[in-house]
Amino acid sequence: MKHGGRTHITHSRLVTLNTCRRKAHLSYMVGLRADRDAPALRIGTAVHFSIELWHSGHGSVDDVCREVVESYAVEIAKARDPEAMHHEVAKVLALLRGYCWRWQNAPLEFVETELAFDLPLRNPKTGASSRLHRVAGKIDGIVRLEDGTFALHEIKTTSDAVDLGSDYWRRLRIDGQVSHYMIAAREMGFDINAVLYDVIRKPTIKPKAISKAARKQADEDGHYFNTPIDGPCPDRETSDLYVARVLDDIGENPDKYYTRGVVHRTDGELDEYRAELWQSHKLMLDPTLSRTRNTAACLSHYGRCPFFDLCTTGQCPEPGDAAPEGFVKLDSVHPELDTPEGVATP
């Protein structure tokens, strides 16, 4: 996506650029994406989508759950392992129901939701706008805190520990996305110096076989973890029974799954990020660096790079080439920005 011939710099693009410039080239210059999302990405997107629906008053929790199931219909239909996909949906539904239960007595007051922005990239020393790049993104929401001040709102899912003293929260204190969105919000007229984060930990427990003793107890009670059973208890957990066990664990350990906290930025920290952003813009202009590989990122904490097979077989498609097998080419490399309403473009 371009604005008057200028390329957009989003936080996701910056992360990709700093992770591996070859990956950034394939993702944003060629426009390639894997034709199937990794499960971790699907779960994060689905949880994010469902919670936003709930916050927007789209309906009851049951209504939102039905929308989640419907949104997965295409993925389930083409899945190589439909049972695994049904369990994935169950995990999303459990996290949604647990989130709504966890924060039902601490609702958020939203003043803006899904606020996309498209703003000038300025030289931090001179204030002059770049002729080639603009800063873009989409803010999940802006909320009013109890003291009357405003904060950005972000939803994150992770497999890491989420207690407020964890490394996950320590990293958020220096996360570039906080600064990226806060600077944009200020340019759009919001007096903001904080982000309210809802961090959600994905369940580590998996669907399992049900022991003989547990089946006997369930048959006698007519329930499995408070979920009614129609007929004899099965040998293995169905997706509904798996949801029941996850929800039971959430009820016993809510802070293991959900934390809410505020991350601040000082003016000095925002100035530091502006300098980093301008430096990244200059790196993007250097053609000698545009396809440099970082092999340390091929197999990382976040999983196998989607372009690993291309790189290890010596392939590096160009913008005019057809998409290799297993990939599609996007018309817009920033599909999250393709929402004409509510986009700030001064």
Protein backbone atom coordinates (compact mmCIF):
# COMPACT_ATOMS: atom_id res chain seq x y z
CA MET A 1 0.00 0.00 0.00
CA LYS A 2 1.32 3.44 -0.95
CA HIS A 3 0.28 7.04 -0.37
CA GLY A 4 1.24 9.40 -3.17
CA GLY A 5 4.03 7.01 -4.19
CA ARG A 6 5.32 6.63 -0.62
CA THR A 7 5.79 3.27 1.03
CA HIS A 8 4.23 2.61 4.42
CA ILE A 9 6.31 1.66 7.42
CA THR A 10 4.21 -0.30 9.93
CA HIS A 11 5.42 -1.79 13.17
CA SER A 12 5.07 -5.29 11.69
CA ARG A 13 7.23 -4.27 8.75
CA LEU A 14 9.88 -2.88 11.10
CA VAL A 15 9.92 -6.08 13.15
CA THR A 16 10.32 -8.13 9.97
CA LEU A 17 13.08 -5.82 8.69
CA ASN A 18 15.00 -6.11 11.96
CA THR A 19 14.47 -9.89 12.09
CA CYS A 20 15.69 -10.69 8.56
CA ARG A 21 15.98 -8.36 5.56
CA ARG A 22 15.44 -11.24 3.13
CA LYS A 23 12.17 -12.00 4.91
CA ALA A 24 11.21 -8.31 4.68
CA HIS A 25 11.99 -8.33 0.94
CA LEU A 26 9.84 -11.39 0.30
CA SER A 27 7.00 -10.17 2.53
CA TYR A 28 6.79 -6.50 1.58
CA MET A 29 8.57 -6.01 -1.73
CA VAL A 30 7.42 -9.24 -3.41
CA GLY A 31 4.20 -9.47 -1.37
CA LEU A 32 4.40 -13.18 -0.54
CA ARG A 33 2.47 -14.83 2.27
CA ALA A 34 2.16 -18.52 3.12
CA ASP A 35 -1.17 -19.87 1.87
CA ARG A 36 -1.84 -21.33 5.33
CA ASP A 37 -1.34 -19.52 8.62
CA ALA A 38 0.56 -21.24 11.40
CA PRO A 39 -1.73 -22.39 14.23
CA ALA A 40 -0.19 -19.92 16.69
CA LEU A 41 -0.96 -17.01 14.35
CA ARG A 42 -4.51 -18.23 13.71
CA ILE A 43 -5.22 -18.57 17.43
CA GLY A 44 -3.87 -15.11 18.21
CA THR A 45 -5.88 -13.53 15.40
CA ALA A 46 -9.08 -15.36 16.37
CA VAL A 47 -8.78 -14.47 20.07
CA HIS A 48 -8.11 -10.85 19.15
CA PHE A 49 -11.09 -10.78 16.75
CA SER A 50 -13.49 -12.36 19.24
CA ILE A 51 -12.54 -10.11 22.16
CA GLU A 52 -12.91 -7.01 20.00
CA LEU A 53 -16.40 -8.17 19.03
CA TRP A 54 -17.30 -8.60 22.70
CA HIS A 55 -15.93 -5.18 23.66
CA SER A 56 -17.84 -3.54 20.82
CA GLY A 57 -21.16 -4.84 22.17
CA HIS A 58 -21.62 -7.08 19.15
CA GLY A 59 -23.67 -9.48 21.22
CA SER A 60 -23.51 -11.89 24.13
CA VAL A 61 -20.55 -14.18 24.71
CA ASP A 62 -22.56 -16.99 23.10
CA ASP A 63 -23.21 -14.79 20.05
CA VAL A 64 -19.51 -14.05 19.67
CA CYS A 65 -18.65 -17.74 20.09
CA ARG A 66 -20.99 -18.57 17.22
CA GLU A 67 -19.21 -15.99 15.04
CA VAL A 68 -15.85 -17.54 15.90
CA VAL A 69 -17.08 -21.00 14.87
CA GLU A 70 -18.45 -19.59 11.61
CA SER A 71 -15.18 -17.76 10.89
CA TYR A 72 -13.29 -21.06 11.16
CA ALA A 73 -15.62 -22.94 8.79
CA VAL A 74 -13.41 -22.50 5.70
CA GLU A 75 -10.22 -23.47 7.57
CA ILE A 76 -11.89 -26.59 8.96
CA ALA A 77 -13.22 -27.57 5.52
CA LYS A 78 -9.73 -27.54 3.95
CA ALA A 79 -7.81 -28.80 7.01
CA ARG A 80 -5.63 -31.88 6.69
CA ASP A 81 -6.54 -32.73 10.30
CA PRO A 82 -10.12 -31.53 11.01
CA GLU A 83 -10.04 -32.89 14.57
CA ALA A 84 -6.97 -30.79 15.41
CA MET A 85 -8.70 -27.75 13.92
CA HIS A 86 -11.81 -28.37 16.04
CA HIS A 87 -9.60 -28.48 19.12
CA GLU A 88 -7.99 -25.22 18.01
CA VAL A 89 -11.42 -23.60 17.84
CA ALA A 90 -12.13 -25.02 21.29
CA LYS A 91 -9.00 -23.34 22.63
CA VAL A 92 -10.09 -19.98 21.20
CA LEU A 93 -13.59 -20.33 22.67
CA ALA A 94 -12.17 -21.23 26.08
CA LEU A 95 -9.88 -18.18 26.07
CA LEU A 96 -12.75 -15.92 24.99
CA ARG A 97 -15.14 -17.20 27.66
CA GLY A 98 -12.41 -17.03 30.29
CA TYR A 99 -11.52 -13.46 29.31
CA CYS A 100 -15.14 -12.30 29.51
CA TRP A 101 -15.52 -13.94 32.91
CA ARG A 102 -12.19 -12.57 34.18
CA TRP A 103 -12.92 -8.95 33.28
CA GLN A 104 -16.73 -8.82 33.47
CA ASN A 105 -16.55 -6.58 36.56
CA ALA A 106 -13.80 -4.38 35.13
CA PRO A 107 -15.21 -3.20 31.80
CA LEU A 108 -13.28 -0.80 29.61
CA GLU A 109 -14.66 2.51 28.34
CA PHE A 110 -13.68 2.79 24.68
CA VAL A 111 -13.55 6.15 22.94
CA GLU A 112 -12.10 4.79 19.68
CA THR A 113 -11.75 1.32 18.16
CA GLU A 114 -9.83 -0.03 15.16
CA LEU A 115 -8.24 3.36 14.48
CA ALA A 116 -6.03 3.17 11.40
CA PHE A 117 -3.45 5.87 10.76
CA ASP A 118 -1.32 7.00 7.81
CA LEU A 119 1.02 9.81 8.85
CA PRO A 120 4.16 11.58 7.63
CA LEU A 121 7.52 10.13 8.62
CA ARG A 122 9.56 13.05 9.90
CA ASN A 123 13.27 13.58 10.31
CA PRO A 124 13.61 13.95 14.12
CA LYS A 125 16.32 16.59 13.73
CA THR A 126 14.76 18.82 11.07
CA GLY A 127 11.05 17.94 11.16
CA ALA A 128 11.06 17.47 7.36
CA SER A 129 8.85 14.70 5.96
CA SER A 130 10.30 11.78 4.06
CA ARG A 131 9.52 11.82 0.36
CA LEU A 132 9.54 8.01 0.22
CA HIS A 133 8.03 6.64 3.43
CA ARG A 134 5.06 7.22 5.71
CA VAL A 135 4.21 5.78 9.14
CA ALA A 136 1.11 3.58 9.25
CA GLY A 137 -0.70 1.09 11.43
CA LYS A 138 -3.94 0.32 13.22
CA ILE A 139 -4.56 0.95 16.91
CA ASP A 140 -6.81 -1.63 18.58
CA GLY A 141 -8.54 0.98 20.69
CA ILE A 142 -8.30 4.04 22.89
CA VAL A 143 -9.79 3.75 26.38
CA ARG A 144 -10.52 6.12 29.23
CA LEU A 145 -8.83 5.03 32.47
CA GLU A 146 -10.32 5.37 35.96
CA ASP A 147 -8.45 8.63 36.56
CA GLY A 148 -9.99 10.17 33.42
CA THR A 149 -6.84 9.97 31.29
CA PHE A 150 -6.67 8.19 27.95
CA ALA A 151 -4.58 5.15 27.04
CA LEU A 152 -4.12 2.96 24.01
CA HIS A 153 -5.56 -0.54 24.36
CA GLU A 154 -3.79 -3.60 22.98
CA ILE A 155 -4.60 -7.32 23.15
CA LYS A 156 -1.75 -9.83 23.03
CA THR A 157 -1.62 -13.63 23.19
CA THR A 158 1.47 -15.58 24.15
CA SER A 159 2.68 -18.98 25.27
CA ASP A 160 4.95 -17.37 27.87
CA ALA A 161 4.23 -16.67 31.54
CA VAL A 162 2.15 -13.50 31.85
CA ASP A 163 2.46 -12.43 35.49
CA LEU A 164 3.28 -8.72 35.80
CA GLY A 165 6.85 -9.44 36.89
CA SER A 166 7.58 -11.79 33.99
CA ASP A 167 10.04 -11.22 31.17
CA TYR A 168 7.08 -10.81 28.83
CA TRP A 169 5.97 -7.65 30.68
CA ARG A 170 9.55 -6.43 31.04
CA ARG A 171 9.91 -6.62 27.25
CA LEU A 172 6.71 -4.62 26.75
CA ARG A 173 8.39 -1.76 28.60
CA ILE A 174 10.77 -1.37 25.65
CA ASP A 175 8.53 -2.69 22.85
CA GLY A 176 8.65 -0.47 19.78
CA GLN A 177 4.94 -0.95 19.07
CA VAL A 178 4.08 1.00 22.21
CA SER A 179 6.08 3.99 20.98
CA HIS A 180 4.97 3.57 17.34
CA TYR A 181 1.27 3.76 18.24
CA MET A 182 1.66 6.38 20.97
CA ILE A 183 3.42 8.80 18.63
CA ALA A 184 0.67 8.26 16.05
CA ALA A 185 -2.10 8.81 18.63
CA ARG A 186 -0.52 12.08 19.72
CA GLU A 187 -0.29 13.27 16.12
CA MET A 188 -4.00 12.51 15.79
CA GLY A 189 -4.76 14.76 18.76
CA PHE A 190 -4.97 12.30 21.66
CA ASP A 191 -3.06 13.23 24.82
CA ILE A 192 -1.69 9.76 25.56
CA ASN A 193 1.41 8.52 27.38
CA ALA A 194 0.35 4.97 28.29
CA VAL A 195 -0.87 1.68 26.84
CA LEU A 196 -3.30 -0.60 28.67
CA TYR A 197 -2.36 -4.17 27.76
CA ASP A 198 -4.57 -7.24 28.03
CA VAL A 199 -2.15 -10.14 27.85
CA ILE A 200 -3.59 -13.64 27.41
CA ARG A 201 -1.67 -16.86 27.88
CA LYS A 202 -2.63 -19.72 25.60
CA PRO A 203 -3.40 -23.03 27.38
CA THR A 204 -0.57 -25.49 27.65
CA ILE A 205 -2.91 -28.38 28.47
CA LYS A 206 -3.98 -30.43 25.46
CA PRO A 207 -6.95 -32.68 24.68
CA LYS A 208 -6.41 -36.03 26.36
CA ALA A 209 -7.77 -39.50 26.91
CA ILE A 210 -10.27 -39.71 29.77
CA SER A 211 -9.39 -42.25 32.41
CA LYS A 212 -11.76 -45.08 33.29
CA ALA A 213 -12.30 -43.63 36.76
CA ALA A 214 -13.05 -40.16 35.35
CA ARG A 215 -15.50 -41.63 32.82
CA LYS A 216 -17.30 -43.51 35.59
CA GLN A 217 -17.55 -40.37 37.70
CA ALA A 218 -18.78 -38.34 34.73
CA ASP A 219 -21.43 -40.94 33.91
CA GLU A 220 -22.64 -40.90 37.52
CA ASP A 221 -22.70 -37.09 37.70
CA GLY A 222 -23.92 -36.53 34.15
CA HIS A 223 -21.21 -33.85 33.85
CA TYR A 224 -17.55 -33.52 32.91
CA PHE A 225 -16.03 -30.42 34.50
CA ASN A 226 -19.50 -28.86 34.81
CA THR A 227 -20.41 -29.62 31.19
CA PRO A 228 -23.48 -31.89 30.72
CA ILE A 229 -22.79 -35.18 28.93
CA ASP A 230 -25.40 -36.60 26.59
CA GLY A 231 -24.87 -40.34 26.83
CA PRO A 232 -21.84 -42.29 28.08
CA CYS A 233 -18.62 -40.32 28.64
CA PRO A 234 -16.29 -40.86 25.66
CA ASP A 235 -12.80 -42.35 25.88
CA ARG A 236 -11.22 -39.09 24.68
CA GLU A 237 -12.16 -35.48 25.19
CA THR A 238 -14.30 -33.96 22.48
CA SER A 239 -13.72 -30.27 21.72
CA ASP A 240 -16.59 -29.36 24.08
CA LEU A 241 -15.16 -31.45 26.91
CA TYR A 242 -11.72 -29.99 26.31
CA VAL A 243 -13.20 -26.47 26.63
CA ALA A 244 -14.77 -27.53 29.93
CA ARG A 245 -11.43 -28.66 31.36
CA VAL A 246 -9.60 -25.53 30.17
CA LEU A 247 -12.29 -23.31 31.68
CA ASP A 248 -12.00 -25.20 34.94
CA ASP A 249 -8.27 -24.53 34.99
CA ILE A 250 -8.85 -20.86 34.14
CA GLY A 251 -11.32 -20.60 37.02
CA GLU A 252 -8.77 -22.12 39.39
CA ASN A 253 -5.85 -20.01 38.10
CA PRO A 254 -7.16 -16.86 36.36
CA ASP A 255 -3.95 -14.89 36.85
CA LYS A 256 -2.01 -17.59 35.00
CA TYR A 257 -4.03 -16.83 31.87
CA TYR A 258 -4.97 -13.14 32.05
CA THR A 259 -3.12 -10.04 33.17
CA ARG A 260 -3.96 -6.40 32.59
CA GLY A 261 -1.39 -3.67 33.09
CA VAL A 262 -0.31 -0.21 31.98
CA VAL A 263 2.94 0.52 30.13
CA HIS A 264 4.16 4.14 30.03
CA ARG A 265 6.49 6.10 27.79
CA THR A 266 8.39 9.29 28.59
CA ASP A 267 8.91 12.04 26.02
CA GLY A 268 12.59 11.08 25.94
CA GLU A 269 11.75 7.46 25.12
CA LEU A 270 9.46 8.58 22.30
CA ASP A 271 12.22 10.80 20.91
CA GLU A 272 14.57 7.81 21.00
CA TYR A 273 12.06 5.76 19.02
CA ARG A 274 11.65 8.54 16.45
CA ALA A 275 15.40 8.39 15.87
CA GLU A 276 15.26 4.58 15.53
CA LEU A 277 12.39 4.88 13.07
CA TRP A 278 14.30 7.34 10.92
CA GLN A 279 17.36 5.07 10.99
CA SER A 280 15.21 2.12 9.84
CA HIS A 281 13.90 4.27 7.00
CA LYS A 282 17.49 4.94 5.90
CA LEU A 283 18.31 1.23 6.04
CA MET A 284 15.35 0.50 3.76
CA LEU A 285 16.88 2.85 1.19
CA ASP A 286 20.16 0.90 1.02
CA PRO A 287 19.84 -1.66 -1.80
CA THR A 288 22.96 -3.53 -0.64
CA LEU A 289 21.14 -4.55 2.55
CA SER A 290 17.69 -5.29 1.16
CA ARG A 291 18.15 -9.08 0.85
CA THR A 292 20.66 -9.85 3.59
CA ARG A 293 19.71 -13.06 5.41
CA ASN A 294 19.74 -13.57 9.16
CA THR A 295 19.99 -17.34 9.50
CA ALA A 296 19.65 -17.09 13.28
CA ALA A 297 15.98 -16.24 12.67
CA CYS A 298 15.16 -19.27 10.49
CA LEU A 299 14.13 -21.43 13.44
CA SER A 300 13.24 -19.10 16.28
CA HIS A 301 11.12 -18.95 19.42
CA TYR A 302 8.18 -18.02 17.19
CA GLY A 303 8.58 -21.09 14.98
CA ARG A 304 9.92 -21.93 11.56
CA CYS A 305 10.19 -19.00 9.15
CA PRO A 306 7.58 -19.35 6.38
CA PHE A 307 10.31 -18.67 3.79
CA PHE A 308 12.74 -21.28 5.15
CA ASP A 309 12.14 -23.70 2.26
CA LEU A 310 12.63 -20.96 -0.33
CA CYS A 311 15.92 -19.83 1.15
CA THR A 312 17.32 -23.32 1.66
CA THR A 313 16.58 -24.22 -1.97
CA GLY A 314 18.15 -21.03 -3.32
CA GLN A 315 14.93 -19.28 -4.34
CA CYS A 316 14.43 -15.53 -4.02
CA PRO A 317 11.39 -14.44 -6.07
CA GLU A 318 11.20 -10.92 -7.48
CA PRO A 319 8.14 -8.62 -7.44
CA GLY A 320 7.10 -9.62 -10.98
CA ASP A 321 7.43 -13.36 -10.44
CA ALA A 322 4.53 -15.74 -9.86
CA ALA A 323 4.00 -16.98 -6.32
CA PRO A 324 5.87 -20.24 -5.58
CA GLU A 325 3.90 -23.28 -4.49
CA GLY A 326 2.58 -22.87 -0.97
CA PHE A 327 2.41 -19.06 -1.22
CA VAL A 328 0.05 -16.36 -2.45
CA LYS A 329 0.81 -12.82 -3.59
CA LEU A 330 -1.10 -10.06 -1.86
CA ASP A 331 -2.55 -7.10 -3.72
CA SER A 332 -1.77 -5.04 -0.61
CA VAL A 333 1.17 -5.93 1.62
CA HIS A 334 -0.58 -4.18 4.51
CA PRO A 335 -4.12 -5.65 4.38
CA GLU A 336 -4.82 -4.44 7.91
CA LEU A 337 -4.75 -0.86 6.58
CA ASP A 338 -7.24 -1.42 3.78
CA THR A 339 -10.16 0.12 5.67
CA PRO A 340 -11.03 3.51 4.19
CA GLU A 341 -13.22 4.67 7.05
CA GLY A 342 -11.57 6.19 10.07
CA VAL A 343 -8.05 6.39 8.63
CA ALA A 344 -6.09 9.45 9.75
CA THR A 345 -4.15 10.79 6.74
CA PRO A 346 -2.96 14.34 7.32
